[in-house]
Amino acid sequence: MKKLILTGVALLALTACTDKVAFVDNSKLLNDYQEKKDIEAKLKGQISAYERKRDSISMAFQTEARAFDAQAKTLPQNVAQKKYNELMQKSQILQQHLQQEEQKIQMESQTQMDSLLSKVKKNIKEYGKQKGYTFILGANDGGSVLYGTEKKDITKEVTEYLNNQYKDKK
């Protein structure tokens, strides 16, 4: 019985030693991944265009509001109140429109990042199969890998692989 247990432990130890294990620094990988950089650049362009549009609309509305303030003093109370209500309604419509546009950009950003992460996981899995890894662990601030020797860190190789995959599909 002891021989059987010792043989089992020895086999377990041998198979554990033959597993090819490495880790990837998730943050560094994503920061160096060209597709993520391209997505961020595109989104920055959209955000910048939105901000210019928002600022332009705000300035035009402020000009209209100042003109109304100057004119309101000379108008009868009921006419001034009516114009004030119209101005407030216009302000609310503009705010809703801008808020919807901002939410659209946020949703597009989230969708693209979710898609990117899914693609990265799929490609890392494929890379692991090609290179014969049993496990590729993800290191992040949350601490899934608390320590790993530098020779087990394949972040650079995986980043190059991902960037080549992305370049080939462009």
Protein backbone atom coordinates (compact mmCIF):
# COMPACT_ATOMS: atom_id res chain seq x y z
CA MET A 1 0.00 0.00 0.00
CA LYS A 2 2.84 2.40 0.86
CA LYS A 3 4.47 1.65 -2.51
CA LEU A 4 1.24 2.49 -4.30
CA ILE A 5 0.89 5.79 -2.47
CA LEU A 6 4.55 6.67 -3.07
CA THR A 7 4.20 5.79 -6.75
CA GLY A 8 1.10 7.99 -7.00
CA VAL A 9 2.86 10.91 -5.32
CA ALA A 10 5.89 10.44 -7.59
CA LEU A 11 3.69 10.40 -10.72
CA LEU A 12 1.85 13.47 -9.54
CA ALA A 13 5.13 15.26 -8.90
CA LEU A 14 6.46 14.29 -12.33
CA THR A 15 3.35 15.45 -14.16
CA ALA A 16 3.26 18.66 -12.16
CA CYS A 17 6.86 19.37 -13.14
CA THR A 18 6.16 18.82 -16.83
CA ASP A 19 3.35 21.39 -16.96
CA LYS A 20 4.39 24.44 -18.93
CA VAL A 21 3.17 27.44 -16.93
CA ALA A 22 3.66 31.15 -17.59
CA PHE A 23 1.94 34.42 -16.82
CA VAL A 24 1.00 37.61 -18.61
CA ASP A 25 0.83 41.07 -17.04
CA ASN A 26 -2.68 42.01 -18.18
CA SER A 27 -2.25 45.75 -17.71
CA LYS A 28 1.01 45.93 -19.60
CA LEU A 29 -0.31 43.66 -22.34
CA LEU A 30 -3.38 45.82 -22.96
CA ASN A 31 -1.42 49.07 -22.77
CA ASP A 32 1.02 47.81 -25.42
CA TYR A 33 -1.62 46.23 -27.66
CA GLN A 34 -1.94 48.26 -30.86
CA GLU A 35 -5.62 47.51 -31.43
CA LYS A 36 -6.45 48.99 -28.00
CA LYS A 37 -4.39 52.07 -28.85
CA ASP A 38 -6.28 52.43 -32.13
CA ILE A 39 -9.66 52.05 -30.41
CA GLU A 40 -8.69 54.66 -27.81
CA ALA A 41 -7.51 57.07 -30.51
CA LYS A 42 -10.79 56.66 -32.40
CA LEU A 43 -12.81 57.19 -29.22
CA LYS A 44 -10.73 60.25 -28.29
CA GLY A 45 -11.62 61.69 -31.70
CA GLN A 46 -15.32 61.04 -31.09
CA ILE A 47 -15.12 62.53 -27.60
CA SER A 48 -13.28 65.57 -28.91
CA ALA A 49 -15.91 66.10 -31.63
CA TYR A 50 -18.67 65.72 -29.01
CA GLU A 51 -16.99 68.25 -26.71
CA ARG A 52 -16.63 70.78 -29.53
CA LYS A 53 -20.30 70.32 -30.42
CA ARG A 54 -21.36 70.60 -26.75
CA ASP A 55 -19.29 73.74 -26.26
CA SER A 56 -20.66 75.31 -29.42
CA ILE A 57 -24.26 74.56 -28.43
CA SER A 58 -23.63 75.85 -24.90
CA MET A 59 -22.14 79.10 -26.17
CA ALA A 60 -25.03 79.64 -28.60
CA PHE A 61 -27.57 78.97 -25.87
CA GLN A 62 -25.79 81.30 -23.42
CA THR A 63 -25.83 84.03 -26.07
CA GLU A 64 -29.55 83.49 -26.57
CA ALA A 65 -30.15 83.53 -22.80
CA ARG A 66 -28.23 86.79 -22.37
CA ALA A 67 -30.19 88.37 -25.22
CA PHE A 68 -33.41 87.26 -23.55
CA ASP A 69 -32.29 88.70 -20.20
CA ALA A 70 -31.64 92.05 -21.84
CA GLN A 71 -34.96 91.96 -23.70
CA ALA A 72 -37.05 90.60 -20.79
CA LYS A 73 -36.89 93.92 -18.91
CA THR A 74 -38.79 95.67 -21.67
CA LEU A 75 -41.40 92.94 -22.26
CA PRO A 76 -44.73 92.60 -20.46
CA GLN A 77 -44.62 90.08 -17.59
CA ASN A 78 -46.76 87.43 -19.33
CA VAL A 79 -44.76 87.61 -22.60
CA ALA A 80 -41.46 87.47 -20.73
CA GLN A 81 -42.68 84.46 -18.73
CA LYS A 82 -43.78 82.69 -21.91
CA LYS A 83 -40.41 83.30 -23.60
CA TYR A 84 -38.61 82.24 -20.44
CA ASN A 85 -40.56 78.95 -20.40
CA GLU A 86 -39.71 78.37 -24.07
CA LEU A 87 -36.05 79.01 -23.32
CA MET A 88 -36.10 76.54 -20.41
CA GLN A 89 -37.80 73.91 -22.57
CA LYS A 90 -35.16 74.43 -25.25
CA SER A 91 -32.45 74.06 -22.61
CA GLN A 92 -33.91 70.75 -21.43
CA ILE A 93 -34.13 69.40 -24.98
CA LEU A 94 -30.53 70.38 -25.66
CA GLN A 95 -29.39 68.75 -22.39
CA GLN A 96 -31.24 65.53 -23.22
CA HIS A 97 -29.79 65.44 -26.71
CA LEU A 98 -26.25 65.96 -25.43
CA GLN A 99 -26.74 63.37 -22.69
CA GLN A 100 -27.96 60.80 -25.23
CA GLU A 101 -24.97 61.47 -27.44
CA GLU A 102 -22.60 61.08 -24.48
CA GLN A 103 -24.25 57.79 -23.48
CA LYS A 104 -23.95 56.54 -27.05
CA ILE A 105 -20.20 57.18 -26.98
CA GLN A 106 -19.89 55.47 -23.58
CA MET A 107 -21.82 52.43 -24.79
CA GLU A 108 -19.74 52.19 -27.95
CA SER A 109 -16.57 52.43 -25.87
CA GLN A 110 -17.73 49.69 -23.51
CA THR A 111 -18.80 47.44 -26.39
CA GLN A 112 -15.49 47.86 -28.18
CA MET A 113 -13.47 47.20 -25.02
CA ASP A 114 -15.54 44.11 -24.18
CA SER A 115 -15.03 42.83 -27.72
CA LEU A 116 -11.30 43.58 -27.48
CA LEU A 117 -10.95 41.69 -24.19
CA SER A 118 -12.81 38.72 -25.62
CA LYS A 119 -10.53 38.72 -28.66
CA VAL A 120 -7.41 39.00 -26.47
CA LYS A 121 -8.49 36.02 -24.34
CA LYS A 122 -9.21 33.97 -27.45
CA ASN A 123 -5.83 34.84 -28.99
CA ILE A 124 -3.95 34.12 -25.76
CA LYS A 125 -5.65 30.74 -25.63
CA GLU A 126 -4.56 30.06 -29.22
CA TYR A 127 -1.03 31.25 -28.43
CA GLY A 128 -0.90 28.91 -25.43
CA LYS A 129 -1.98 25.96 -27.56
CA GLN A 130 0.56 26.77 -30.26
CA LYS A 131 3.40 27.10 -27.75
CA GLY A 132 2.40 24.07 -25.67
CA TYR A 133 1.47 25.85 -22.44
CA THR A 134 -0.62 24.02 -19.89
CA PHE A 135 -1.50 27.28 -18.13
CA ILE A 136 -1.13 30.97 -18.90
CA LEU A 137 -2.06 32.96 -15.84
CA GLY A 138 -3.05 36.61 -15.78
CA ALA A 139 -1.23 38.97 -13.47
CA ASN A 140 -3.07 42.12 -12.46
CA ASP A 141 -3.51 44.54 -9.61
CA GLY A 142 -6.09 42.21 -8.06
CA GLY A 143 -3.36 39.69 -7.39
CA SER A 144 -4.14 36.55 -9.38
CA VAL A 145 -0.36 36.09 -9.73
CA LEU A 146 1.38 37.42 -6.67
CA TYR A 147 4.84 36.37 -7.78
CA GLY A 148 6.42 34.98 -10.90
CA THR A 149 10.00 34.82 -12.07
CA GLU A 150 10.87 36.97 -15.05
CA LYS A 151 11.55 33.92 -17.20
CA LYS A 152 7.89 32.87 -16.70
CA ASP A 153 6.62 36.31 -17.78
CA ILE A 154 5.60 35.99 -21.44
CA THR A 155 3.86 39.37 -21.66
CA LYS A 156 6.24 40.68 -24.33
CA GLU A 157 5.92 37.58 -26.51
CA VAL A 158 2.13 37.52 -26.23
CA THR A 159 1.93 41.26 -26.98
CA GLU A 160 4.03 40.74 -30.11
CA TYR A 161 1.81 37.81 -31.10
CA LEU A 162 -1.36 39.86 -30.61
CA ASN A 163 0.03 42.86 -32.48
CA ASN A 164 1.07 40.62 -35.38
CA GLN A 165 -2.40 39.04 -35.44
CA TYR A 166 -3.95 42.51 -35.48
CA LYS A 167 -1.58 43.78 -38.17
CA ASP A 168 -2.37 40.76 -40.38
CA LYS A 169 -6.12 41.41 -40.11
CA LYS A 170 -5.91 45.14 -40.90
